[in-house]
Amino acid sequence: MVFDLGGVLEIVDDAVWPLAWTHRWAGELGMTVEEWTDRMAAYDLAGVSEAMTRSAYKAGLGLSDAEVAVMFDDLWDRYCGRLDTELMAYVDGLAPSYRLAILSNSGDGARREEEKRFGLSRLFDPIIYSHEVGVAKPDPRIYALACELTGIKPGEMVFVDDIPANVASAAGIGIHAIHHTSTPATIRAIEDLLRCSGLGGNRN
């Protein structure tokens, strides 16, 4: 079984947290969001490493290393959110019988921060981060990679994600895909699927 992180296993309280983070720190630094945006416009941060991102904010906003560290601690707190303890308790019960994996669209540093907070590797193997493998959901190639790394065929895999496009793409290659809208609904959907599909335990 393969689970998404943000919005599924992790509860992220603010779906537009990057904007909220920008507003907070622009205010902390005594500038408007427009001024912040103008200062950072010279930096293309798409796909760059965490170290390069930190350096860009340090240079663009004229910050010290200590200021950048505090700002990024807040960023990671918002990014990781908090664990859905109800869903994790259910998943923990699946562990003796099913291979459990994570498939997450991500940025550099996510593995370190999420493992530090939640100890995900205790239950999940592999944990597949898009920035590490060079392909992201909903690209069908990342689902094929998940099948390859877990050794589970598409027709034997269950995938849970909160983004409809990701669910549709996974279903398009034959994976049993569940759209996560709430924890109780997802647990019911998994139980119904396991009961009706004949999917048995596939723990390696």
C-alpha atoms as a PDB file:
ATOM      1  CA  MET A   1       0.000   0.000   0.000  1.00  0.00           C
ATOM      2  CA  VAL A   2       1.290   3.415  -0.942  1.00  0.00           C
ATOM      3  CA  PHE A   3       0.360   6.654   0.813  1.00  0.00           C
ATOM      4  CA  ASP A   4       0.867  10.327   0.070  1.00  0.00           C
ATOM      5  CA  LEU A   5       2.265  12.496   2.869  1.00  0.00           C
ATOM      6  CA  GLY A   6       1.008  16.113   2.864  1.00  0.00           C
ATOM      7  CA  GLY A   7      -2.775  16.116   3.083  1.00  0.00           C
ATOM      8  CA  VAL A   8      -2.975  12.389   3.857  1.00  0.00           C
ATOM      9  CA  LEU A   9      -0.589  11.051   6.520  1.00  0.00           C
ATOM     10  CA  GLU A  10       0.255  14.623   7.471  1.00  0.00           C
ATOM     11  CA  ILE A  11      -2.368  17.205   8.350  1.00  0.00           C
ATOM     12  CA  VAL A  12      -1.304  20.559   6.943  1.00  0.00           C
ATOM     13  CA  ASP A  13      -3.481  23.172   8.608  1.00  0.00           C
ATOM     14  CA  ASP A  14      -3.037  25.848   5.947  1.00  0.00           C
ATOM     15  CA  ALA A  15      -3.297  24.630   2.349  1.00  0.00           C
ATOM     16  CA  VAL A  16      -1.705  27.872   1.143  1.00  0.00           C
ATOM     17  CA  TRP A  17       0.975  27.950   3.842  1.00  0.00           C
ATOM     18  CA  PRO A  18       3.717  29.289   1.512  1.00  0.00           C
ATOM     19  CA  LEU A  19       1.737  32.507   1.150  1.00  0.00           C
ATOM     20  CA  ALA A  20       1.056  32.688   4.885  1.00  0.00           C
ATOM     21  CA  TRP A  21       4.750  32.052   5.559  1.00  0.00           C
ATOM     22  CA  THR A  22       5.748  34.857   3.180  1.00  0.00           C
ATOM     23  CA  HIS A  23       3.291  37.293   4.780  1.00  0.00           C
ATOM     24  CA  ARG A  24       4.528  36.458   8.273  1.00  0.00           C
ATOM     25  CA  TRP A  25       8.206  36.845   7.511  1.00  0.00           C
ATOM     26  CA  ALA A  26       7.804  39.933   5.358  1.00  0.00           C
ATOM     27  CA  GLY A  27       6.112  41.507   8.360  1.00  0.00           C
ATOM     28  CA  GLU A  28       8.806  40.251  10.739  1.00  0.00           C
ATOM     29  CA  LEU A  29      11.448  41.859   8.533  1.00  0.00           C
ATOM     30  CA  GLY A  30       9.578  45.139   8.239  1.00  0.00           C
ATOM     31  CA  MET A  31       8.801  44.958   4.542  1.00  0.00           C
ATOM     32  CA  THR A  32       5.734  44.533   2.382  1.00  0.00           C
ATOM     33  CA  VAL A  33       5.053  41.327   0.473  1.00  0.00           C
ATOM     34  CA  GLU A  34       5.608  43.304  -2.722  1.00  0.00           C
ATOM     35  CA  GLU A  35       9.055  44.373  -1.548  1.00  0.00           C
ATOM     36  CA  TRP A  36       9.858  40.771  -0.556  1.00  0.00           C
ATOM     37  CA  THR A  37       8.738  39.584  -3.996  1.00  0.00           C
ATOM     38  CA  ASP A  38      10.784  42.226  -5.780  1.00  0.00           C
ATOM     39  CA  ARG A  39      13.909  41.317  -3.832  1.00  0.00           C
ATOM     40  CA  MET A  40      13.518  37.602  -4.551  1.00  0.00           C
ATOM     41  CA  ALA A  41      12.572  38.010  -8.221  1.00  0.00           C
ATOM     42  CA  ALA A  42      16.205  37.692  -9.300  1.00  0.00           C
ATOM     43  CA  TYR A  43      16.434  34.154  -7.910  1.00  0.00           C
ATOM     44  CA  ASP A  44      15.069  31.106  -9.737  1.00  0.00           C
ATOM     45  CA  LEU A  45      14.448  28.614  -6.945  1.00  0.00           C
ATOM     46  CA  ALA A  46      12.657  25.941  -8.968  1.00  0.00           C
ATOM     47  CA  GLY A  47      14.249  22.579  -8.307  1.00  0.00           C
ATOM     48  CA  VAL A  48      17.312  23.932  -6.508  1.00  0.00           C
ATOM     49  CA  SER A  49      18.812  22.434  -3.355  1.00  0.00           C
ATOM     50  CA  GLU A  50      17.823  23.536   0.127  1.00  0.00           C
ATOM     51  CA  ALA A  51      21.280  25.029   0.637  1.00  0.00           C
ATOM     52  CA  MET A  52      20.918  27.126  -2.501  1.00  0.00           C
ATOM     53  CA  THR A  53      17.453  28.242  -1.426  1.00  0.00           C
ATOM     54  CA  ARG A  54      18.743  29.345   1.970  1.00  0.00           C
ATOM     55  CA  SER A  55      21.613  31.222   0.312  1.00  0.00           C
ATOM     56  CA  ALA A  56      19.184  32.983  -2.026  1.00  0.00           C
ATOM     57  CA  TYR A  57      17.005  34.199   0.844  1.00  0.00           C
ATOM     58  CA  LYS A  58      20.066  35.280   2.796  1.00  0.00           C
ATOM     59  CA  ALA A  59      21.358  37.350  -0.123  1.00  0.00           C
ATOM     60  CA  GLY A  60      18.020  38.587  -1.447  1.00  0.00           C
ATOM     61  CA  LEU A  61      16.620  39.694   1.895  1.00  0.00           C
ATOM     62  CA  GLY A  62      19.901  40.702   3.508  1.00  0.00           C
ATOM     63  CA  LEU A  63      19.649  38.207   6.366  1.00  0.00           C
ATOM     64  CA  SER A  64      22.149  36.656   8.734  1.00  0.00           C
ATOM     65  CA  ASP A  65      22.642  32.890   8.948  1.00  0.00           C
ATOM     66  CA  ALA A  66      20.774  32.900  12.273  1.00  0.00           C
ATOM     67  CA  GLU A  67      17.794  34.742  10.787  1.00  0.00           C
ATOM     68  CA  VAL A  68      17.618  32.348   7.848  1.00  0.00           C
ATOM     69  CA  ALA A  69      17.752  29.386  10.233  1.00  0.00           C
ATOM     70  CA  VAL A  70      14.797  30.646  12.277  1.00  0.00           C
ATOM     71  CA  MET A  71      12.811  31.441   9.135  1.00  0.00           C
ATOM     72  CA  PHE A  72      13.403  27.978   7.678  1.00  0.00           C
ATOM     73  CA  ASP A  73      12.558  26.241  10.944  1.00  0.00           C
ATOM     74  CA  ASP A  74       9.147  27.864  10.619  1.00  0.00           C
ATOM     75  CA  LEU A  75       8.957  26.883   6.956  1.00  0.00           C
ATOM     76  CA  TRP A  76       9.546  23.196   7.749  1.00  0.00           C
ATOM     77  CA  ASP A  77       7.041  23.260  10.604  1.00  0.00           C
ATOM     78  CA  ARG A  78       4.413  24.502   8.179  1.00  0.00           C
ATOM     79  CA  TYR A  79       5.483  22.123   5.399  1.00  0.00           C
ATOM     80  CA  CYS A  80       5.367  18.995   7.577  1.00  0.00           C
ATOM     81  CA  GLY A  81       2.251  19.887   9.546  1.00  0.00           C
ATOM     82  CA  ARG A  82       1.294  17.255  12.101  1.00  0.00           C
ATOM     83  CA  LEU A  83       0.781  13.536  11.851  1.00  0.00           C
ATOM     84  CA  ASP A  84      -2.722  12.172  11.356  1.00  0.00           C
ATOM     85  CA  THR A  85      -2.575   9.904  14.389  1.00  0.00           C
ATOM     86  CA  GLU A  86      -5.874   8.170  13.590  1.00  0.00           C
ATOM     87  CA  LEU A  87      -4.768   7.206  10.099  1.00  0.00           C
ATOM     88  CA  MET A  88      -1.297   6.217  11.291  1.00  0.00           C
ATOM     89  CA  ALA A  89      -2.777   3.942  13.944  1.00  0.00           C
ATOM     90  CA  TYR A  90      -4.791   2.208  11.229  1.00  0.00           C
ATOM     91  CA  VAL A  91      -1.772   1.921   8.939  1.00  0.00           C
ATOM     92  CA  ASP A  92       0.267   0.524  11.829  1.00  0.00           C
ATOM     93  CA  GLY A  93      -2.251  -2.299  12.023  1.00  0.00           C
ATOM     94  CA  LEU A  94      -1.706  -3.097   8.347  1.00  0.00           C
ATOM     95  CA  ALA A  95       2.058  -3.382   8.728  1.00  0.00           C
ATOM     96  CA  PRO A  96       2.231  -7.096   9.633  1.00  0.00           C
ATOM     97  CA  SER A  97       0.379  -8.069   6.451  1.00  0.00           C
ATOM     98  CA  TYR A  98       1.120  -5.442   3.803  1.00  0.00           C
ATOM     99  CA  ARG A  99       4.122  -3.774   2.249  1.00  0.00           C
ATOM    100  CA  LEU A 100       3.807  -0.063   3.106  1.00  0.00           C
ATOM    101  CA  ALA A 101       5.375   2.744   1.084  1.00  0.00           C
ATOM    102  CA  ILE A 102       5.183   6.509   0.687  1.00  0.00           C
ATOM    103  CA  LEU A 103       5.049   8.480  -2.554  1.00  0.00           C
ATOM    104  CA  SER A 104       5.402  12.238  -2.071  1.00  0.00           C
ATOM    105  CA  ASN A 105       5.942  15.274  -4.238  1.00  0.00           C
ATOM    106  CA  SER A 106       8.646  17.016  -2.293  1.00  0.00           C
ATOM    107  CA  GLY A 107      11.528  19.413  -1.985  1.00  0.00           C
ATOM    108  CA  ASP A 108      15.114  18.995  -0.845  1.00  0.00           C
ATOM    109  CA  GLY A 109      15.260  18.510   2.914  1.00  0.00           C
ATOM    110  CA  ALA A 110      11.858  16.822   3.210  1.00  0.00           C
ATOM    111  CA  ARG A 111      13.269  13.380   4.022  1.00  0.00           C
ATOM    112  CA  ARG A 112      15.383  14.747   6.860  1.00  0.00           C
ATOM    113  CA  GLU A 113      12.613  16.878   8.353  1.00  0.00           C
ATOM    114  CA  GLU A 114       9.797  14.335   8.098  1.00  0.00           C
ATOM    115  CA  GLU A 115      11.917  11.491   9.423  1.00  0.00           C
ATOM    116  CA  LYS A 116      13.075  13.679  12.323  1.00  0.00           C
ATOM    117  CA  ARG A 117       9.506  14.530  13.254  1.00  0.00           C
ATOM    118  CA  PHE A 118       7.628  11.325  12.505  1.00  0.00           C
ATOM    119  CA  GLY A 119      10.073   8.410  12.151  1.00  0.00           C
ATOM    120  CA  LEU A 120       8.361   7.283   8.960  1.00  0.00           C
ATOM    121  CA  SER A 121      10.990   4.680   8.093  1.00  0.00           C
ATOM    122  CA  ARG A 122       9.745   2.566  11.001  1.00  0.00           C
ATOM    123  CA  LEU A 123       6.742   1.555   8.900  1.00  0.00           C
ATOM    124  CA  PHE A 124       7.377   2.590   5.305  1.00  0.00           C
ATOM    125  CA  ASP A 125       9.870   1.199   2.807  1.00  0.00           C
ATOM    126  CA  PRO A 126      10.462   2.607   0.290  1.00  0.00           C
ATOM    127  CA  ILE A 127       9.811   6.287   0.910  1.00  0.00           C
ATOM    128  CA  ILE A 128       9.864   7.834  -2.560  1.00  0.00           C
ATOM    129  CA  TYR A 129      10.417  11.590  -2.832  1.00  0.00           C
ATOM    130  CA  SER A 130       9.878  13.221  -6.211  1.00  0.00           C
ATOM    131  CA  HIS A 131      12.866  15.554  -5.894  1.00  0.00           C
ATOM    132  CA  GLU A 132      15.150  12.557  -5.357  1.00  0.00           C
ATOM    133  CA  VAL A 133      13.900  10.473  -8.285  1.00  0.00           C
ATOM    134  CA  GLY A 134      13.426  13.328 -10.757  1.00  0.00           C
ATOM    135  CA  VAL A 135       9.766  12.739 -11.573  1.00  0.00           C
ATOM    136  CA  ALA A 136       6.608  13.868  -9.770  1.00  0.00           C
ATOM    137  CA  LYS A 137       2.939  12.973  -9.513  1.00  0.00           C
ATOM    138  CA  PRO A 138       0.793  12.865 -11.594  1.00  0.00           C
ATOM    139  CA  ASP A 139       3.381  11.664 -14.146  1.00  0.00           C
ATOM    140  CA  PRO A 140       2.600   7.943 -14.669  1.00  0.00           C
ATOM    141  CA  ARG A 141       6.314   7.153 -14.553  1.00  0.00           C
ATOM    142  CA  ILE A 142       6.439   7.741 -10.812  1.00  0.00           C
ATOM    143  CA  TYR A 143       3.720   5.154 -10.203  1.00  0.00           C
ATOM    144  CA  ALA A 144       5.575   2.687 -12.394  1.00  0.00           C
ATOM    145  CA  LEU A 145       8.664   3.393 -10.308  1.00  0.00           C
ATOM    146  CA  ALA A 146       6.703   2.759  -7.108  1.00  0.00           C
ATOM    147  CA  CYS A 147       5.647  -0.615  -8.486  1.00  0.00           C
ATOM    148  CA  GLU A 148       9.235  -1.416  -9.400  1.00  0.00           C
ATOM    149  CA  LEU A 149      10.677  -0.410  -6.026  1.00  0.00           C
ATOM    150  CA  THR A 150       8.025  -2.229  -3.991  1.00  0.00           C
ATOM    151  CA  GLY A 151       7.831  -5.281  -6.239  1.00  0.00           C
ATOM    152  CA  ILE A 152       4.043  -4.895  -6.366  1.00  0.00           C
ATOM    153  CA  LYS A 153       2.120  -5.075  -9.641  1.00  0.00           C
ATOM    154  CA  PRO A 154      -0.266  -2.195 -10.429  1.00  0.00           C
ATOM    155  CA  GLY A 155      -3.326  -4.426 -10.048  1.00  0.00           C
ATOM    156  CA  GLU A 156      -2.145  -5.459  -6.579  1.00  0.00           C
ATOM    157  CA  MET A 157      -1.268  -1.969  -5.332  1.00  0.00           C
ATOM    158  CA  VAL A 158      -3.443   0.398  -3.281  1.00  0.00           C
ATOM    159  CA  PHE A 159      -2.577   4.098  -3.513  1.00  0.00           C
ATOM    160  CA  VAL A 160      -4.038   6.908  -1.374  1.00  0.00           C
ATOM    161  CA  ASP A 161      -3.718  10.585  -2.314  1.00  0.00           C
ATOM    162  CA  ASP A 162      -5.700  13.778  -1.694  1.00  0.00           C
ATOM    163  CA  ILE A 163      -5.204  15.248  -5.177  1.00  0.00           C
ATOM    164  CA  PRO A 164      -7.751  14.024  -7.768  1.00  0.00           C
ATOM    165  CA  ALA A 165      -5.278  14.292 -10.671  1.00  0.00           C
ATOM    166  CA  ASN A 166      -2.818  12.047  -8.847  1.00  0.00           C
ATOM    167  CA  VAL A 167      -5.525   9.511  -8.087  1.00  0.00           C
ATOM    168  CA  ALA A 168      -6.706   9.490 -11.705  1.00  0.00           C
ATOM    169  CA  SER A 169      -3.188   9.059 -13.058  1.00  0.00           C
ATOM    170  CA  ALA A 170      -2.479   6.120 -10.753  1.00  0.00           C
ATOM    171  CA  ALA A 171      -5.784   4.514 -11.669  1.00  0.00           C
ATOM    172  CA  GLY A 172      -4.868   4.980 -15.315  1.00  0.00           C
ATOM    173  CA  ILE A 173      -2.081   2.408 -15.041  1.00  0.00           C
ATOM    174  CA  GLY A 174      -4.273  -0.065 -13.181  1.00  0.00           C
ATOM    175  CA  ILE A 175      -3.544   0.831  -9.536  1.00  0.00           C
ATOM    176  CA  HIS A 176      -6.388   0.715  -6.999  1.00  0.00           C
ATOM    177  CA  ALA A 177      -6.436   4.438  -6.258  1.00  0.00           C
ATOM    178  CA  ILE A 178      -8.346   6.042  -3.373  1.00  0.00           C
ATOM    179  CA  HIS A 179      -9.111   9.754  -3.165  1.00  0.00           C
ATOM    180  CA  HIS A 180      -8.502  10.843   0.421  1.00  0.00           C
ATOM    181  CA  THR A 181     -11.123  13.330   1.625  1.00  0.00           C
ATOM    182  CA  SER A 182     -11.236  12.362   5.297  1.00  0.00           C
ATOM    183  CA  THR A 183      -9.588   9.772   7.500  1.00  0.00           C
ATOM    184  CA  PRO A 184     -12.759   7.766   8.284  1.00  0.00           C
ATOM    185  CA  ALA A 185     -13.712   7.702   4.590  1.00  0.00           C
ATOM    186  CA  THR A 186     -10.249   6.523   3.554  1.00  0.00           C
ATOM    187  CA  ILE A 187     -10.195   3.752   6.151  1.00  0.00           C
ATOM    188  CA  ARG A 188     -13.614   2.575   4.982  1.00  0.00           C
ATOM    189  CA  ALA A 189     -12.502   2.685   1.359  1.00  0.00           C
ATOM    190  CA  ILE A 190      -9.391   0.624   2.068  1.00  0.00           C
ATOM    191  CA  GLU A 191     -11.366  -1.923   4.077  1.00  0.00           C
ATOM    192  CA  ASP A 192     -14.026  -2.190   1.344  1.00  0.00           C
ATOM    193  CA  LEU A 193     -11.341  -2.597  -1.298  1.00  0.00           C
ATOM    194  CA  LEU A 194      -9.496  -5.309   0.601  1.00  0.00           C
ATOM    195  CA  ARG A 195     -12.716  -7.159   1.299  1.00  0.00           C
ATOM    196  CA  CYS A 196     -14.118  -6.966  -2.232  1.00  0.00           C
ATOM    197  CA  SER A 197     -10.972  -7.217  -4.360  1.00  0.00           C
ATOM    198  CA  GLY A 198      -9.422 -10.271  -2.784  1.00  0.00           C
ATOM    199  CA  LEU A 199      -6.138  -8.448  -2.281  1.00  0.00           C
ATOM    200  CA  GLY A 200      -4.181 -10.425   0.255  1.00  0.00           C
ATOM    201  CA  GLY A 201      -1.232  -9.539   2.384  1.00  0.00           C
ATOM    202  CA  ASN A 202       1.813  -8.908   0.232  1.00  0.00           C
ATOM    203  CA  ARG A 203       4.456  -8.094   2.805  1.00  0.00           C
ATOM    204  CA  ASN A 204       7.892  -9.129   1.520  1.00  0.00           C
END
